[in-house]
Amino acid sequence: MPEPTASARVELRCSGSGGQGILLAATIIAEAATALGRRVVQTQSYGPEARGGASKAEVIIAEEPIDYPEVRRPDVSLVLSQAAYEKYAADTRPGGLLIYDSGLVEADPGAAGVTHCGLPFTQVATDELGKKVVTNIIALGALVARSGVLPADAVEEAVLSRVPPRFRELNEKAYRLGLRLAAGAADAETTTKDGLTPTTAPAPGS
């Protein structure tokens, strides 16, 4: 997905199960965009289904005032659970980007014009860092690298400002690992007549 122009309104949706850090990922995106002087709206949905079901957190980024603060057709979707994929993936706009955890989500890349990028976020968090809790930060790094929606260094600053000092090194490693993971997936991507095929990258070292 190309980097948005300065005047673009960009809609992002992070979705998954409660406890996967979806809200934190969206909050970091919103804070990074705010620090860059963008207009930002952030919302989240945590109902009875949040734990184990499908929940979402959304961010709208724009240069101009945001008159309609609701995400309907996200330009970028991050999906970390099967339930969230089944509920929200189809909303991604044609020409948009859908990133998902390939170890947890069985995707159907049938929507022509939507880039599907499957990456083993949870596996990488466990195997490379020994901490499943930073899966969301790895996924955030991949989202930033693939979408170009915000500068990578600006988002890294927001990550480090959000976590307690004793966890900064771990989260910095996780974020940068996500950047590298996404870069490797981009190198492997191929195209077809109907659009981009899904990219499913192996974990580093596998």
N, C-alpha and C. Protein backbone atom coordinates (compact mmCIF):
# COMPACT_ATOMS: atom_id res chain seq x y z
N MET A 1 0.85 -1.19 0.00
CA MET A 1 0.00 0.00 0.00
C MET A 1 0.88 1.23 0.00
N PRO A 2 0.71 2.17 -0.90
CA PRO A 2 1.55 3.35 -0.96
C PRO A 2 1.31 4.26 0.23
N GLU A 3 2.29 5.10 0.54
CA GLU A 3 2.15 6.03 1.64
C GLU A 3 1.09 7.08 1.30
N PRO A 4 0.18 7.36 2.23
CA PRO A 4 -0.88 8.32 1.96
C PRO A 4 -0.33 9.71 1.69
N THR A 5 -1.05 10.49 0.92
CA THR A 5 -0.67 11.87 0.71
C THR A 5 -0.97 12.68 1.95
N ALA A 6 -0.43 13.90 2.02
CA ALA A 6 -0.57 14.72 3.21
C ALA A 6 -2.02 15.05 3.52
N SER A 7 -2.87 15.12 2.50
CA SER A 7 -4.25 15.52 2.71
C SER A 7 -5.19 14.35 2.91
N ALA A 8 -4.66 13.12 2.85
CA ALA A 8 -5.52 11.95 2.88
C ALA A 8 -6.10 11.71 4.27
N ARG A 9 -7.30 11.17 4.27
CA ARG A 9 -7.90 10.60 5.48
C ARG A 9 -7.60 9.11 5.43
N VAL A 10 -6.99 8.60 6.46
CA VAL A 10 -6.62 7.20 6.51
C VAL A 10 -7.35 6.54 7.67
N GLU A 11 -8.03 5.45 7.39
CA GLU A 11 -8.77 4.71 8.41
C GLU A 11 -8.07 3.39 8.71
N LEU A 12 -7.85 3.12 10.00
CA LEU A 12 -7.20 1.89 10.42
C LEU A 12 -8.07 1.18 11.44
N ARG A 13 -8.06 -0.14 11.36
CA ARG A 13 -8.78 -0.94 12.36
C ARG A 13 -7.87 -2.06 12.85
N CYS A 14 -7.71 -2.16 14.15
CA CYS A 14 -7.00 -3.26 14.78
C CYS A 14 -8.04 -4.14 15.46
N SER A 15 -8.02 -5.43 15.21
CA SER A 15 -9.03 -6.30 15.79
C SER A 15 -8.42 -7.61 16.26
N GLY A 16 -9.09 -8.20 17.23
CA GLY A 16 -8.62 -9.45 17.80
C GLY A 16 -9.47 -9.82 19.00
N SER A 17 -8.90 -10.60 19.90
CA SER A 17 -9.59 -10.99 21.11
C SER A 17 -9.14 -10.10 22.26
N GLY A 18 -9.99 -9.98 23.27
CA GLY A 18 -9.58 -9.24 24.46
C GLY A 18 -8.32 -9.84 25.05
N GLY A 19 -7.39 -9.00 25.47
CA GLY A 19 -6.14 -9.47 26.04
C GLY A 19 -5.01 -9.54 25.04
N GLN A 20 -5.27 -9.28 23.77
CA GLN A 20 -4.22 -9.32 22.75
C GLN A 20 -3.54 -7.96 22.53
N GLY A 21 -3.94 -6.96 23.27
CA GLY A 21 -3.29 -5.66 23.16
C GLY A 21 -3.73 -4.84 21.98
N ILE A 22 -4.93 -5.09 21.49
CA ILE A 22 -5.45 -4.35 20.34
C ILE A 22 -5.59 -2.87 20.65
N LEU A 23 -6.15 -2.55 21.81
CA LEU A 23 -6.34 -1.15 22.18
C LEU A 23 -5.01 -0.43 22.31
N LEU A 24 -4.01 -1.08 22.89
CA LEU A 24 -2.70 -0.44 23.03
C LEU A 24 -2.09 -0.15 21.67
N ALA A 25 -2.19 -1.07 20.74
CA ALA A 25 -1.64 -0.85 19.40
C ALA A 25 -2.30 0.36 18.75
N ALA A 26 -3.62 0.45 18.84
CA ALA A 26 -4.33 1.58 18.25
C ALA A 26 -3.98 2.88 18.95
N THR A 27 -3.83 2.83 20.27
CA THR A 27 -3.48 4.02 21.04
C THR A 27 -2.11 4.54 20.64
N ILE A 28 -1.17 3.64 20.43
CA ILE A 28 0.18 4.05 20.02
C ILE A 28 0.14 4.71 18.65
N ILE A 29 -0.63 4.16 17.73
CA ILE A 29 -0.77 4.78 16.41
C ILE A 29 -1.34 6.18 16.55
N ALA A 30 -2.39 6.31 17.35
CA ALA A 30 -3.04 7.61 17.54
C ALA A 30 -2.09 8.62 18.16
N GLU A 31 -1.32 8.20 19.15
CA GLU A 31 -0.40 9.12 19.81
C GLU A 31 0.74 9.53 18.89
N ALA A 32 1.22 8.60 18.07
CA ALA A 32 2.28 8.95 17.12
C ALA A 32 1.77 9.96 16.10
N ALA A 33 0.55 9.75 15.61
CA ALA A 33 -0.02 10.68 14.64
C ALA A 33 -0.26 12.05 15.26
N THR A 34 -0.73 12.07 16.50
CA THR A 34 -0.95 13.34 17.19
C THR A 34 0.36 14.11 17.37
N ALA A 35 1.42 13.39 17.72
CA ALA A 35 2.73 14.03 17.90
C ALA A 35 3.24 14.64 16.61
N LEU A 36 2.79 14.11 15.48
CA LEU A 36 3.19 14.64 14.17
C LEU A 36 2.29 15.77 13.70
N GLY A 37 1.32 16.14 14.53
CA GLY A 37 0.44 17.25 14.19
C GLY A 37 -0.77 16.88 13.36
N ARG A 38 -1.07 15.59 13.26
CA ARG A 38 -2.24 15.16 12.49
C ARG A 38 -3.51 15.27 13.32
N ARG A 39 -4.64 15.33 12.64
CA ARG A 39 -5.94 15.21 13.30
C ARG A 39 -6.21 13.73 13.51
N VAL A 40 -6.70 13.38 14.69
CA VAL A 40 -6.86 11.97 15.04
C VAL A 40 -8.16 11.73 15.79
N VAL A 41 -8.83 10.65 15.45
CA VAL A 41 -9.96 10.14 16.23
C VAL A 41 -9.69 8.67 16.51
N GLN A 42 -9.86 8.26 17.77
CA GLN A 42 -9.68 6.86 18.14
C GLN A 42 -10.93 6.36 18.86
N THR A 43 -11.38 5.18 18.49
CA THR A 43 -12.52 4.55 19.14
C THR A 43 -12.22 3.08 19.37
N GLN A 44 -12.96 2.45 20.27
CA GLN A 44 -12.80 1.03 20.51
C GLN A 44 -14.14 0.39 20.87
N SER A 45 -14.21 -0.90 20.65
CA SER A 45 -15.43 -1.65 20.93
C SER A 45 -15.08 -2.87 21.76
N TYR A 46 -15.47 -2.84 23.03
CA TYR A 46 -15.25 -3.97 23.93
C TYR A 46 -16.58 -4.28 24.61
N GLY A 47 -17.30 -5.25 24.06
CA GLY A 47 -18.57 -5.64 24.63
C GLY A 47 -18.45 -6.96 25.35
N PRO A 48 -19.55 -7.67 25.55
CA PRO A 48 -19.54 -8.96 26.22
C PRO A 48 -18.66 -9.99 25.51
N GLU A 49 -18.44 -9.77 24.20
CA GLU A 49 -17.68 -10.74 23.42
C GLU A 49 -16.18 -10.48 23.44
N ALA A 50 -15.73 -9.46 24.16
CA ALA A 50 -14.34 -9.05 24.05
C ALA A 50 -13.36 -10.17 24.39
N ARG A 51 -13.56 -10.85 25.50
CA ARG A 51 -12.64 -11.90 25.88
C ARG A 51 -12.97 -13.18 25.11
N GLY A 52 -12.10 -13.52 24.17
CA GLY A 52 -12.30 -14.73 23.39
C GLY A 52 -13.13 -14.53 22.14
N GLY A 53 -13.79 -13.39 22.01
CA GLY A 53 -14.56 -13.11 20.82
C GLY A 53 -13.84 -12.12 19.94
N ALA A 54 -14.58 -11.24 19.30
CA ALA A 54 -13.98 -10.26 18.40
C ALA A 54 -14.17 -8.86 18.96
N SER A 55 -13.07 -8.15 19.14
CA SER A 55 -13.12 -6.76 19.57
C SER A 55 -12.28 -5.93 18.62
N LYS A 56 -12.46 -4.62 18.66
CA LYS A 56 -11.74 -3.77 17.71
C LYS A 56 -11.40 -2.43 18.34
N ALA A 57 -10.36 -1.83 17.80
CA ALA A 57 -9.98 -0.45 18.13
C ALA A 57 -9.62 0.22 16.82
N GLU A 58 -10.13 1.42 16.61
CA GLU A 58 -9.99 2.07 15.31
C GLU A 58 -9.37 3.46 15.45
N VAL A 59 -8.66 3.85 14.40
CA VAL A 59 -8.01 5.16 14.36
C VAL A 59 -8.26 5.79 12.99
N ILE A 60 -8.64 7.05 13.00
CA ILE A 60 -8.72 7.85 11.78
C ILE A 60 -7.65 8.93 11.87
N ILE A 61 -6.86 9.07 10.82
CA ILE A 61 -5.80 10.07 10.76
C ILE A 61 -6.04 10.96 9.56
N ALA A 62 -5.97 12.27 9.77
CA ALA A 62 -6.22 13.21 8.67
C ALA A 62 -5.47 14.51 8.93
N GLU A 63 -5.31 15.29 7.87
CA GLU A 63 -4.72 16.62 7.99
C GLU A 63 -5.79 17.66 8.31
N GLU A 64 -6.99 17.44 7.81
CA GLU A 64 -8.09 18.37 8.01
C GLU A 64 -9.00 17.88 9.13
N PRO A 65 -9.88 18.74 9.65
CA PRO A 65 -10.83 18.30 10.68
C PRO A 65 -11.61 17.07 10.23
N ILE A 66 -11.85 16.17 11.16
CA ILE A 66 -12.54 14.92 10.86
C ILE A 66 -14.02 15.10 11.14
N ASP A 67 -14.80 15.22 10.08
CA ASP A 67 -16.23 15.48 10.23
C ASP A 67 -17.02 14.22 10.56
N TYR A 68 -16.56 13.09 10.06
CA TYR A 68 -17.29 11.84 10.27
C TYR A 68 -16.36 10.86 10.99
N PRO A 69 -16.47 10.76 12.32
CA PRO A 69 -15.49 10.01 13.11
C PRO A 69 -15.79 8.52 13.24
N GLU A 70 -16.15 7.88 12.16
CA GLU A 70 -16.45 6.45 12.21
C GLU A 70 -15.74 5.73 11.07
N VAL A 71 -15.10 4.63 11.41
CA VAL A 71 -14.44 3.79 10.41
C VAL A 71 -15.46 2.82 9.83
N ARG A 72 -15.63 2.85 8.54
CA ARG A 72 -16.52 1.91 7.87
C ARG A 72 -15.76 0.98 6.93
N ARG A 73 -14.85 1.54 6.16
CA ARG A 73 -14.06 0.77 5.20
C ARG A 73 -12.59 1.07 5.45
N PRO A 74 -11.97 0.37 6.40
CA PRO A 74 -10.60 0.70 6.75
C PRO A 74 -9.63 0.53 5.58
N ASP A 75 -8.70 1.47 5.49
CA ASP A 75 -7.63 1.35 4.51
C ASP A 75 -6.63 0.29 4.93
N VAL A 76 -6.44 0.16 6.24
CA VAL A 76 -5.50 -0.81 6.81
C VAL A 76 -6.21 -1.57 7.92
N SER A 77 -6.19 -2.89 7.84
CA SER A 77 -6.79 -3.74 8.88
C SER A 77 -5.71 -4.65 9.45
N LEU A 78 -5.66 -4.71 10.78
CA LEU A 78 -4.79 -5.66 11.48
C LEU A 78 -5.69 -6.63 12.22
N VAL A 79 -5.50 -7.93 11.98
CA VAL A 79 -6.38 -8.95 12.56
C VAL A 79 -5.54 -10.00 13.28
N LEU A 80 -5.85 -10.22 14.56
CA LEU A 80 -5.05 -11.14 15.37
C LEU A 80 -5.83 -12.35 15.87
N SER A 81 -7.06 -12.54 15.44
CA SER A 81 -7.80 -13.74 15.83
C SER A 81 -8.75 -14.15 14.70
N GLN A 82 -9.12 -15.43 14.71
CA GLN A 82 -10.03 -15.93 13.68
C GLN A 82 -11.40 -15.27 13.78
N ALA A 83 -11.89 -15.10 15.01
CA ALA A 83 -13.20 -14.48 15.19
C ALA A 83 -13.22 -13.06 14.63
N ALA A 84 -12.13 -12.33 14.85
CA ALA A 84 -12.04 -10.96 14.34
C ALA A 84 -11.95 -10.96 12.82
N TYR A 85 -11.23 -11.93 12.26
CA TYR A 85 -11.14 -12.02 10.80
C TYR A 85 -12.52 -12.24 10.20
N GLU A 86 -13.24 -13.17 10.76
CA GLU A 86 -14.56 -13.49 10.21
C GLU A 86 -15.54 -12.33 10.35
N LYS A 87 -15.38 -11.53 11.39
CA LYS A 87 -16.31 -10.43 11.62
C LYS A 87 -15.95 -9.16 10.86
N TYR A 88 -14.64 -8.87 10.74
CA TYR A 88 -14.23 -7.55 10.26
C TYR A 88 -13.44 -7.54 8.95
N ALA A 89 -12.84 -8.64 8.55
CA ALA A 89 -11.92 -8.60 7.41
C ALA A 89 -12.58 -8.10 6.14
N ALA A 90 -13.82 -8.49 5.92
CA ALA A 90 -14.49 -8.12 4.67
C ALA A 90 -14.75 -6.62 4.55
N ASP A 91 -14.60 -5.88 5.65
CA ASP A 91 -14.82 -4.43 5.60
C ASP A 91 -13.68 -3.68 4.94
N THR A 92 -12.51 -4.31 4.84
CA THR A 92 -11.34 -3.63 4.28
C THR A 92 -11.64 -3.16 2.86
N ARG A 93 -11.34 -1.92 2.59
CA ARG A 93 -11.71 -1.34 1.30
C ARG A 93 -10.88 -1.95 0.17
N PRO A 94 -11.43 -2.03 -1.04
CA PRO A 94 -10.64 -2.46 -2.19
C PRO A 94 -9.42 -1.55 -2.35
N GLY A 95 -8.28 -2.13 -2.56
CA GLY A 95 -7.04 -1.37 -2.62
C GLY A 95 -6.37 -1.23 -1.28
N GLY A 96 -7.02 -1.75 -0.23
CA GLY A 96 -6.49 -1.64 1.12
C GLY A 96 -5.54 -2.78 1.47
N LEU A 97 -5.12 -2.78 2.72
CA LEU A 97 -4.14 -3.73 3.22
C LEU A 97 -4.71 -4.46 4.43
N LEU A 98 -4.65 -5.78 4.42
CA LEU A 98 -5.11 -6.59 5.54
C LEU A 98 -3.95 -7.44 6.03
N ILE A 99 -3.53 -7.19 7.26
CA ILE A 99 -2.42 -7.91 7.88
C ILE A 99 -3.00 -8.81 8.96
N TYR A 100 -2.57 -10.07 8.99
CA TYR A 100 -3.13 -10.99 9.98
C TYR A 100 -2.07 -11.93 10.53
N ASP A 101 -2.35 -12.49 11.70
CA ASP A 101 -1.46 -13.46 12.33
C ASP A 101 -1.67 -14.81 11.66
N SER A 102 -0.71 -15.23 10.87
CA SER A 102 -0.87 -16.46 10.08
C SER A 102 -0.90 -17.71 10.94
N GLY A 103 -0.47 -17.61 12.20
CA GLY A 103 -0.53 -18.76 13.08
C GLY A 103 -1.88 -18.93 13.76
N LEU A 104 -2.69 -17.89 13.74
CA LEU A 104 -3.98 -17.91 14.43
C LEU A 104 -5.17 -17.74 13.50
N VAL A 105 -4.91 -17.26 12.30
CA VAL A 105 -5.99 -16.91 11.38
C VAL A 105 -5.88 -17.71 10.09
N GLU A 106 -6.95 -18.36 9.72
CA GLU A 106 -7.04 -19.01 8.42
C GLU A 106 -7.76 -18.05 7.48
N ALA A 107 -7.00 -17.41 6.62
CA ALA A 107 -7.54 -16.34 5.79
C ALA A 107 -8.02 -16.86 4.44
N ASP A 108 -8.98 -16.16 3.90
CA ASP A 108 -9.48 -16.44 2.55
C ASP A 108 -9.27 -15.19 1.71
N PRO A 109 -8.17 -15.13 0.96
CA PRO A 109 -7.83 -13.91 0.22
C PRO A 109 -8.62 -13.78 -1.07
N GLY A 110 -9.92 -13.97 -1.01
CA GLY A 110 -10.72 -13.95 -2.22
C GLY A 110 -11.08 -12.57 -2.71
N ALA A 111 -10.95 -11.56 -1.85
CA ALA A 111 -11.34 -10.20 -2.24
C ALA A 111 -10.27 -9.60 -3.14
N ALA A 112 -10.58 -9.48 -4.41
CA ALA A 112 -9.63 -8.91 -5.36
C ALA A 112 -9.33 -7.47 -5.00
N GLY A 113 -8.06 -7.10 -5.10
CA GLY A 113 -7.69 -5.72 -4.84
C GLY A 113 -7.31 -5.43 -3.42
N VAL A 114 -7.48 -6.40 -2.51
CA VAL A 114 -7.05 -6.22 -1.12
C VAL A 114 -5.77 -7.02 -0.91
N THR A 115 -4.74 -6.37 -0.42
CA THR A 115 -3.49 -7.05 -0.14
C THR A 115 -3.61 -7.81 1.18
N HIS A 116 -3.43 -9.12 1.14
CA HIS A 116 -3.41 -9.94 2.34
C HIS A 116 -1.96 -10.23 2.71
N CYS A 117 -1.60 -9.97 3.93
CA CYS A 117 -0.24 -10.22 4.41
C CYS A 117 -0.32 -11.02 5.71
N GLY A 118 0.00 -12.30 5.63
CA GLY A 118 -0.02 -13.16 6.81
C GLY A 118 1.37 -13.32 7.39
N LEU A 119 1.52 -13.02 8.66
CA LEU A 119 2.81 -13.09 9.34
C LEU A 119 2.63 -13.76 10.70
N PRO A 120 3.59 -14.58 11.13
CA PRO A 120 3.42 -15.37 12.37
C PRO A 120 3.77 -14.57 13.62
N PHE A 121 3.00 -13.57 13.93
CA PHE A 121 3.32 -12.66 15.03
C PHE A 121 3.47 -13.37 16.37
N THR A 122 2.50 -14.20 16.71
CA THR A 122 2.54 -14.86 18.01
C THR A 122 3.71 -15.83 18.10
N GLN A 123 3.95 -16.57 17.04
CA GLN A 123 5.08 -17.50 17.02
C GLN A 123 6.40 -16.77 17.17
N VAL A 124 6.54 -15.66 16.47
CA VAL A 124 7.78 -14.89 16.54
C VAL A 124 7.98 -14.31 17.94
N ALA A 125 6.90 -13.81 18.53
CA ALA A 125 7.00 -13.26 19.89
C ALA A 125 7.48 -14.32 20.87
N THR A 126 6.98 -15.53 20.71
CA THR A 126 7.35 -16.62 21.62
C THR A 126 8.75 -17.15 21.33
N ASP A 127 9.03 -17.41 20.05
CA ASP A 127 10.29 -18.04 19.68
C ASP A 127 11.48 -17.09 19.75
N GLU A 128 11.29 -15.87 19.32
CA GLU A 128 12.40 -14.93 19.23
C GLU A 128 12.63 -14.13 20.52
N LEU A 129 11.55 -13.81 21.21
CA LEU A 129 11.67 -12.95 22.39
C LEU A 129 11.24 -13.64 23.68
N GLY A 130 10.59 -14.79 23.56
CA GLY A 130 10.15 -15.51 24.75
C GLY A 130 9.02 -14.82 25.49
N LYS A 131 8.33 -13.91 24.83
CA LYS A 131 7.28 -13.12 25.48
C LYS A 131 6.09 -12.96 24.53
N LYS A 132 5.08 -13.77 24.72
CA LYS A 132 3.88 -13.68 23.89
C LYS A 132 3.19 -12.33 24.04
N VAL A 133 3.41 -11.68 25.17
CA VAL A 133 2.71 -10.43 25.47
C VAL A 133 3.04 -9.31 24.49
N VAL A 134 4.18 -9.39 23.79
CA VAL A 134 4.55 -8.33 22.85
C VAL A 134 4.14 -8.66 21.41
N THR A 135 3.27 -9.64 21.25
CA THR A 135 2.75 -9.95 19.92
C THR A 135 2.17 -8.71 19.25
N ASN A 136 1.44 -7.93 20.02
CA ASN A 136 0.80 -6.73 19.44
C ASN A 136 1.82 -5.71 18.96
N ILE A 137 2.94 -5.60 19.64
CA ILE A 137 3.96 -4.63 19.24
C ILE A 137 4.69 -5.10 17.98
N ILE A 138 4.92 -6.40 17.87
CA ILE A 138 5.48 -6.94 16.64
C ILE A 138 4.52 -6.68 15.48
N ALA A 139 3.25 -6.93 15.71
CA ALA A 139 2.24 -6.69 14.67
C ALA A 139 2.17 -5.21 14.30
N LEU A 140 2.32 -4.35 15.29
CA LEU A 140 2.32 -2.91 15.04
C LEU A 140 3.48 -2.52 14.13
N GLY A 141 4.66 -3.06 14.40
CA GLY A 141 5.80 -2.78 13.54
C GLY A 141 5.56 -3.21 12.11
N ALA A 142 4.96 -4.39 11.95
CA ALA A 142 4.65 -4.87 10.60
C ALA A 142 3.64 -3.98 9.91
N LEU A 143 2.63 -3.54 10.65
CA LEU A 143 1.62 -2.65 10.07
C LEU A 143 2.26 -1.35 9.56
N VAL A 144 3.12 -0.77 10.37
CA VAL A 144 3.77 0.48 9.99
C VAL A 144 4.66 0.27 8.77
N ALA A 145 5.41 -0.83 8.76
CA ALA A 145 6.32 -1.09 7.65
C ALA A 145 5.57 -1.32 6.34
N ARG A 146 4.47 -2.06 6.40
CA ARG A 146 3.75 -2.40 5.19
C ARG A 146 2.85 -1.26 4.68
N SER A 147 2.28 -0.49 5.59
CA SER A 147 1.32 0.53 5.17
C SER A 147 1.96 1.87 4.85
N GLY A 148 3.07 2.20 5.52
CA GLY A 148 3.66 3.52 5.35
C GLY A 148 2.79 4.63 5.88
N VAL A 149 1.83 4.31 6.73
CA VAL A 149 0.86 5.30 7.18
C VAL A 149 1.49 6.36 8.07
N LEU A 150 2.55 6.00 8.79
CA LEU A 150 3.29 6.93 9.64
C LEU A 150 4.77 6.56 9.58
N PRO A 151 5.66 7.53 9.84
CA PRO A 151 7.09 7.21 9.88
C PRO A 151 7.40 6.20 10.98
N ALA A 152 8.24 5.24 10.68
CA ALA A 152 8.54 4.18 11.63
C ALA A 152 9.15 4.72 12.92
N ASP A 153 10.01 5.73 12.80
CA ASP A 153 10.66 6.25 14.00
C ASP A 153 9.67 6.98 14.91
N ALA A 154 8.67 7.63 14.32
CA ALA A 154 7.66 8.32 15.13
C ALA A 154 6.84 7.33 15.93
N VAL A 155 6.51 6.20 15.32
CA VAL A 155 5.74 5.19 16.04
C VAL A 155 6.60 4.53 17.11
N GLU A 156 7.88 4.32 16.82
CA GLU A 156 8.76 3.75 17.83
C GLU A 156 8.84 4.66 19.06
N GLU A 157 8.92 5.95 18.85
CA GLU A 157 8.93 6.88 19.97
C GLU A 157 7.66 6.76 20.80
N ALA A 158 6.53 6.59 20.12
CA ALA A 158 5.26 6.43 20.83
C ALA A 158 5.21 5.12 21.61
N VAL A 159 5.79 4.07 21.04
CA VAL A 159 5.86 2.79 21.75
C VAL A 159 6.64 2.96 23.04
N LEU A 160 7.81 3.55 22.95
CA LEU A 160 8.69 3.67 24.11
C LEU A 160 8.12 4.61 25.17
N SER A 161 7.35 5.59 24.75
CA SER A 161 6.75 6.51 25.72
C SER A 161 5.56 5.89 26.43
N ARG A 162 5.02 4.81 25.89
CA ARG A 162 3.82 4.18 26.44
C ARG A 162 4.13 3.10 27.46
N VAL A 163 5.30 2.49 27.38
CA VAL A 163 5.60 1.35 28.24
C VAL A 163 6.49 1.77 29.42
N PRO A 164 6.41 1.07 30.55
CA PRO A 164 7.27 1.37 31.69
C PRO A 164 8.74 1.22 31.31
N PRO A 165 9.63 1.98 31.96
CA PRO A 165 11.05 1.94 31.60
C PRO A 165 11.65 0.53 31.56
N ARG A 166 11.25 -0.32 32.49
CA ARG A 166 11.87 -1.66 32.54
C ARG A 166 11.47 -2.54 31.35
N PHE A 167 10.43 -2.14 30.62
CA PHE A 167 9.98 -2.93 29.47
C PHE A 167 10.33 -2.28 28.12
N ARG A 168 11.05 -1.18 28.17
CA ARG A 168 11.32 -0.47 26.92
C ARG A 168 12.21 -1.26 25.98
N GLU A 169 13.23 -1.90 26.50
CA GLU A 169 14.13 -2.66 25.63
C GLU A 169 13.39 -3.79 24.94
N LEU A 170 12.56 -4.51 25.68
CA LEU A 170 11.79 -5.61 25.10
C LEU A 170 10.86 -5.11 24.01
N ASN A 171 10.16 -4.02 24.27
CA ASN A 171 9.21 -3.50 23.29
C ASN A 171 9.91 -2.89 22.08
N GLU A 172 11.08 -2.31 22.29
CA GLU A 172 11.86 -1.80 21.16
C GLU A 172 12.27 -2.96 20.26
N LYS A 173 12.73 -4.05 20.86
CA LYS A 173 13.10 -5.23 20.07
C LYS A 173 11.90 -5.78 19.32
N ALA A 174 10.76 -5.83 20.00
CA ALA A 174 9.55 -6.37 19.37
C ALA A 174 9.12 -5.51 18.18
N TYR A 175 9.13 -4.22 18.36
CA TYR A 175 8.71 -3.31 17.29
C TYR A 175 9.64 -3.44 16.08
N ARG A 176 10.93 -3.43 16.32
CA ARG A 176 11.88 -3.53 15.21
C ARG A 176 11.83 -4.90 14.55
N LEU A 177 11.52 -5.93 15.33
CA LEU A 177 11.36 -7.25 14.75
C LEU A 177 10.17 -7.27 13.80
N GLY A 178 9.10 -6.58 14.16
CA GLY A 178 7.94 -6.46 13.28
C GLY A 178 8.27 -5.75 11.99
N LEU A 179 9.08 -4.70 12.07
CA LEU A 179 9.51 -3.98 10.86
C LEU A 179 10.26 -4.91 9.92
N ARG A 180 11.19 -5.69 10.48
CA ARG A 180 11.99 -6.60 9.66
C ARG A 180 11.15 -7.74 9.09
N LEU A 181 10.24 -8.24 9.90
CA LEU A 181 9.38 -9.33 9.45
C LEU A 181 8.55 -8.90 8.25
N ALA A 182 7.99 -7.70 8.31
CA ALA A 182 7.18 -7.19 7.21
C ALA A 182 8.02 -6.94 5.97
N ALA A 183 9.24 -6.45 6.16
CA ALA A 183 10.12 -6.20 5.02
C ALA A 183 10.42 -7.50 4.28
N GLY A 184 10.63 -8.59 5.03
CA GLY A 184 10.88 -9.88 4.41
C GLY A 184 9.68 -10.39 3.65
N ALA A 185 8.48 -10.14 4.19
CA ALA A 185 7.26 -10.56 3.51
C ALA A 185 7.06 -9.80 2.21
N ALA A 186 7.38 -8.52 2.22
CA ALA A 186 7.23 -7.70 1.01
C ALA A 186 8.13 -8.22 -0.10
N ASP A 187 9.31 -8.67 0.27
CA ASP A 187 10.23 -9.20 -0.74
C ASP A 187 9.68 -10.47 -1.39
N ALA A 188 8.85 -11.22 -0.64
CA ALA A 188 8.34 -12.49 -1.14
C ALA A 188 7.02 -12.36 -1.88
N GLU A 189 6.44 -11.18 -1.88
CA GLU A 189 5.10 -11.01 -2.42
C GLU A 189 5.07 -11.17 -3.95
N THR A 190 4.00 -11.78 -4.44
CA THR A 190 3.80 -11.93 -5.87
C THR A 190 2.44 -11.38 -6.24
N THR A 191 2.24 -11.16 -7.53
CA THR A 191 0.95 -10.64 -7.97
C THR A 191 0.25 -11.61 -8.91
N THR A 192 -1.06 -11.48 -8.97
CA THR A 192 -1.85 -12.30 -9.87
C THR A 192 -2.76 -11.38 -10.67
N LYS A 193 -3.51 -11.96 -11.55
CA LYS A 193 -4.43 -11.18 -12.39
C LYS A 193 -5.43 -10.41 -11.55
N ASP A 194 -5.92 -11.02 -10.47
CA ASP A 194 -6.96 -10.40 -9.65
C ASP A 194 -6.41 -9.48 -8.58
N GLY A 195 -5.11 -9.38 -8.45
CA GLY A 195 -4.56 -8.51 -7.42
C GLY A 195 -3.40 -9.20 -6.73
N LEU A 196 -3.14 -8.82 -5.50
CA LEU A 196 -2.01 -9.34 -4.77
C LEU A 196 -2.37 -10.64 -4.08
N THR A 197 -1.51 -11.62 -4.20
CA THR A 197 -1.73 -12.87 -3.50
C THR A 197 -1.36 -12.71 -2.04
N PRO A 198 -1.87 -13.59 -1.18
CA PRO A 198 -1.50 -13.49 0.22
C PRO A 198 -0.03 -13.80 0.41
N THR A 199 0.62 -13.07 1.26
CA THR A 199 2.00 -13.34 1.62
C THR A 199 2.00 -13.96 3.00
N THR A 200 2.55 -15.15 3.14
CA THR A 200 2.66 -15.78 4.44
C THR A 200 4.13 -16.05 4.69
N ALA A 201 4.70 -15.29 5.59
CA ALA A 201 6.14 -15.38 5.83
C ALA A 201 6.43 -16.32 6.99
N PRO A 202 7.50 -17.11 6.90
CA PRO A 202 7.89 -17.95 8.02
C PRO A 202 8.52 -17.11 9.12
N ALA A 203 8.60 -17.68 10.28
CA ALA A 203 9.27 -16.98 11.37
C ALA A 203 10.75 -16.88 11.07
N PRO A 204 11.43 -15.83 11.56
CA PRO A 204 12.86 -15.70 11.32
C PRO A 204 13.61 -16.93 11.83
N GLY A 205 14.53 -17.40 11.02
CA GLY A 205 15.34 -18.53 11.41
C GLY A 205 14.72 -19.88 11.13
N SER A 206 13.45 -19.88 10.63
CA SER A 206 12.78 -21.16 10.36
C SER A 206 13.07 -21.62 8.94
